[in-house]
Amino acid sequence: MPKPTIEAHLDKHELKQKMNEAQGLDQFKRWQVIYLRLTQPQLSVNAVADASGVSYRTVTQWTWMYNKFGPRAYCLAGRGGRRKGLVDLEQERRLLEELTGKAQKGHIVTVRVVRERVERLLGHSVSKDYAYDLLHRHEWRKVVPRPHHPKRNKAKQQAFKKTSRTCWIPPEKPFTPPPPSP
């Protein structure tokens, strides 16, 4: 099998420096593959794959990428972040602060209300999931109603429990036959 050659974009000292400066294991392995392919051309692709802990196909793909695009394009791009955020975090905070004021006055804030506000802000429709994600991102949670009335009278409740019947007895009604059918 032919051994693809490595373009001399960087020399072996620069490649060693790139390996030492690698931000993570993935990037280190990429530079290691190119370093091994450049400094030890007698090694087969399978031997380089075994030494770096990746597959044969990965070694050939990384070699092609390095040869075609050079060292700048060979670095891994960041994988995290909010790439699909429709509204930035500060705008989301302001929107939820407005709704917090309404909620404190006793209004019920639902996902539908949040979704409508975001749609009004953006000028186009958004999914219900986006509204749920927005609430989750800002640590809003579902608040259930209180299990009792805030102005309850415990003494009256206890008195009612003592004087009420233990079972329900329907009131007696005199039997009236149904009217005859014509």
Protein backbone atom coordinates (compact mmCIF):
# COMPACT_ATOMS: atom_id res chain seq x y z
CA MET A 1 0.00 0.00 0.00
CA PRO A 2 1.45 3.42 -0.89
CA LYS A 3 2.48 5.65 1.97
CA PRO A 4 1.12 9.17 1.54
CA THR A 5 3.77 11.80 1.96
CA ILE A 6 3.52 14.67 4.39
CA GLU A 7 3.80 18.22 3.13
CA ALA A 8 6.55 20.13 4.92
CA HIS A 9 4.35 22.91 6.28
CA LEU A 10 6.22 22.70 9.60
CA ASP A 11 9.55 21.15 10.54
CA LYS A 12 9.92 18.55 13.32
CA HIS A 13 10.85 21.15 15.99
CA GLU A 14 7.73 23.19 15.24
CA LEU A 15 5.63 20.02 15.33
CA LYS A 16 7.10 19.11 18.72
CA GLN A 17 6.22 22.58 19.95
CA LYS A 18 2.64 22.16 18.64
CA MET A 19 2.39 18.84 20.48
CA ASN A 20 3.57 20.49 23.72
CA GLU A 21 1.13 23.39 23.30
CA ALA A 22 -1.87 21.16 22.50
CA GLN A 23 -4.95 22.10 24.52
CA GLY A 24 -6.27 18.57 24.85
CA LEU A 25 -5.60 14.93 24.10
CA ASP A 26 -7.46 15.06 20.76
CA GLN A 27 -5.30 17.89 19.45
CA PHE A 28 -2.16 16.23 20.83
CA LYS A 29 -2.95 13.01 18.93
CA ARG A 30 -3.41 14.97 15.70
CA TRP A 31 0.00 16.60 16.00
CA GLN A 32 1.56 13.30 17.09
CA VAL A 33 0.30 11.56 13.94
CA ILE A 34 1.80 14.26 11.70
CA TYR A 35 5.04 14.24 13.71
CA LEU A 36 5.41 10.46 13.37
CA ARG A 37 4.55 10.53 9.67
CA LEU A 38 7.12 13.30 9.04
CA THR A 39 10.00 12.08 11.24
CA GLN A 40 9.64 8.35 10.64
CA PRO A 41 8.54 7.78 7.05
CA GLN A 42 9.44 4.07 7.28
CA LEU A 43 6.48 3.48 9.65
CA SER A 44 3.34 2.20 7.99
CA VAL A 45 0.01 3.92 8.49
CA ASN A 46 -1.08 0.99 10.68
CA ALA A 47 2.00 1.39 12.90
CA VAL A 48 1.33 5.13 13.29
CA ALA A 49 -2.31 4.36 14.09
CA ASP A 50 -1.30 1.85 16.77
CA ALA A 51 1.27 4.23 18.28
CA SER A 52 -1.17 7.11 18.54
CA GLY A 53 -4.24 5.07 19.51
CA VAL A 54 -6.44 5.92 16.53
CA SER A 55 -7.65 3.98 13.49
CA TYR A 56 -6.01 3.57 10.10
CA ARG A 57 -8.74 5.65 8.48
CA THR A 58 -8.25 8.46 10.99
CA VAL A 59 -4.51 8.63 10.27
CA THR A 60 -5.13 8.86 6.52
CA GLN A 61 -7.85 11.47 6.99
CA TRP A 62 -5.69 13.64 9.27
CA THR A 63 -2.78 13.32 6.85
CA TRP A 64 -4.97 14.49 3.98
CA MET A 65 -6.33 17.42 6.04
CA TYR A 66 -2.84 18.55 7.04
CA ASN A 67 -1.52 18.29 3.48
CA LYS A 68 -4.48 20.09 1.93
CA PHE A 69 -5.22 22.84 4.46
CA GLY A 70 -1.99 23.26 6.41
CA PRO A 71 -1.40 23.67 10.14
CA ARG A 72 -3.90 26.52 10.71
CA ALA A 73 -6.91 24.55 9.56
CA TYR A 74 -5.61 21.42 11.28
CA CYS A 75 -6.39 22.71 14.79
CA LEU A 76 -9.61 21.59 16.38
CA ALA A 77 -12.33 24.18 16.66
CA GLY A 78 -14.01 24.67 20.01
CA ARG A 79 -16.92 22.33 20.58
CA GLY A 80 -18.96 24.12 23.21
CA GLY A 81 -20.93 27.29 23.47
CA ARG A 82 -24.33 28.56 22.46
CA ARG A 83 -24.17 28.25 18.71
CA LYS A 84 -27.95 28.17 18.32
CA GLY A 85 -28.97 30.83 20.81
CA LEU A 86 -31.67 33.00 19.28
CA VAL A 87 -31.46 35.63 21.99
CA ASP A 88 -28.32 36.49 23.94
CA LEU A 89 -28.22 35.71 27.66
CA GLU A 90 -28.58 39.33 28.76
CA GLN A 91 -31.77 39.78 26.73
CA GLU A 92 -33.11 36.54 28.17
CA ARG A 93 -32.40 37.79 31.71
CA ARG A 94 -34.21 41.07 31.06
CA LEU A 95 -37.19 39.24 29.58
CA LEU A 96 -37.43 36.95 32.60
CA GLU A 97 -37.04 39.87 35.03
CA GLU A 98 -40.18 41.43 33.51
CA LEU A 99 -42.01 38.15 33.96
CA THR A 100 -40.70 37.82 37.53
CA GLY A 101 -42.43 41.08 38.41
CA LYS A 102 -45.71 39.75 37.05
CA ALA A 103 -45.28 36.45 38.89
CA GLN A 104 -44.67 38.25 42.18
CA LYS A 105 -47.94 40.12 41.72
CA GLY A 106 -49.76 36.78 41.53
CA HIS A 107 -49.98 36.27 37.76
CA ILE A 108 -49.25 32.79 36.49
CA VAL A 109 -46.30 32.70 34.08
CA THR A 110 -46.55 29.83 31.61
CA VAL A 111 -44.29 28.59 28.85
CA ARG A 112 -46.79 29.96 26.34
CA VAL A 113 -46.30 33.47 27.73
CA VAL A 114 -42.50 33.13 27.60
CA ARG A 115 -42.68 31.82 24.05
CA GLU A 116 -44.94 34.69 22.92
CA ARG A 117 -42.56 37.25 24.46
CA VAL A 118 -39.55 35.73 22.70
CA GLU A 119 -41.46 35.61 19.40
CA ARG A 120 -42.42 39.26 19.79
CA LEU A 121 -38.79 40.13 20.51
CA LEU A 122 -37.42 38.20 17.51
CA GLY A 123 -40.20 38.82 15.04
CA HIS A 124 -40.62 35.16 14.11
CA SER A 125 -41.94 31.99 15.70
CA VAL A 126 -39.87 29.76 18.00
CA SER A 127 -40.49 26.25 19.26
CA LYS A 128 -41.99 25.44 22.61
CA ASP A 129 -38.77 23.55 23.42
CA TYR A 130 -36.82 26.80 23.07
CA ALA A 131 -39.00 28.38 25.75
CA TYR A 132 -38.54 25.38 28.05
CA ASP A 133 -34.77 25.46 27.47
CA LEU A 134 -34.71 29.20 28.21
CA LEU A 135 -36.48 28.65 31.54
CA HIS A 136 -34.20 25.73 32.41
CA ARG A 137 -31.09 27.74 31.48
CA HIS A 138 -32.06 30.45 33.97
CA GLU A 139 -32.99 27.88 36.64
CA TRP A 140 -36.69 28.60 36.63
CA ARG A 141 -38.73 25.72 37.92
CA LYS A 142 -42.34 24.72 38.13
CA VAL A 143 -43.89 26.08 41.30
CA VAL A 144 -46.88 24.16 42.51
CA PRO A 145 -49.75 25.76 44.41
CA ARG A 146 -49.70 25.73 48.18
CA PRO A 147 -51.34 22.66 49.75
CA HIS A 148 -53.51 24.89 51.95
CA HIS A 149 -55.09 28.32 51.95
CA PRO A 150 -52.84 30.99 53.51
CA LYS A 151 -55.74 32.36 55.63
CA ARG A 152 -56.92 29.01 56.95
CA ASN A 153 -58.18 28.65 60.50
CA LYS A 154 -56.77 25.47 62.04
CA ALA A 155 -59.13 25.58 65.03
CA LYS A 156 -62.21 25.61 62.76
CA GLN A 157 -60.76 22.78 60.66
CA GLN A 158 -60.21 20.62 63.74
CA ALA A 159 -63.70 21.37 65.03
CA PHE A 160 -65.20 20.42 61.67
CA LYS A 161 -63.28 17.14 61.66
CA LYS A 162 -64.68 16.27 65.10
CA THR A 163 -68.31 17.11 64.30
CA SER A 164 -68.58 15.83 60.75
CA ARG A 165 -69.81 12.36 59.87
CA THR A 166 -67.30 9.67 59.02
CA CYS A 167 -69.24 8.60 55.95
CA TRP A 168 -71.71 10.22 53.60
CA ILE A 169 -75.32 9.22 53.81
CA PRO A 170 -77.41 10.45 50.93
CA PRO A 171 -80.61 12.28 51.87
CA GLU A 172 -83.76 10.25 51.70
CA LYS A 173 -86.12 11.17 48.91
CA PRO A 174 -89.54 9.72 48.41
CA PHE A 175 -89.75 7.41 45.44
CA THR A 176 -91.61 8.88 42.52
CA PRO A 177 -92.25 6.61 39.58
CA PRO A 178 -91.29 7.88 36.15
CA PRO A 179 -94.10 9.29 34.03
CA PRO A 180 -95.69 6.84 31.62
CA SER A 181 -94.39 6.92 28.12
CA PRO A 182 -96.93 7.79 25.38
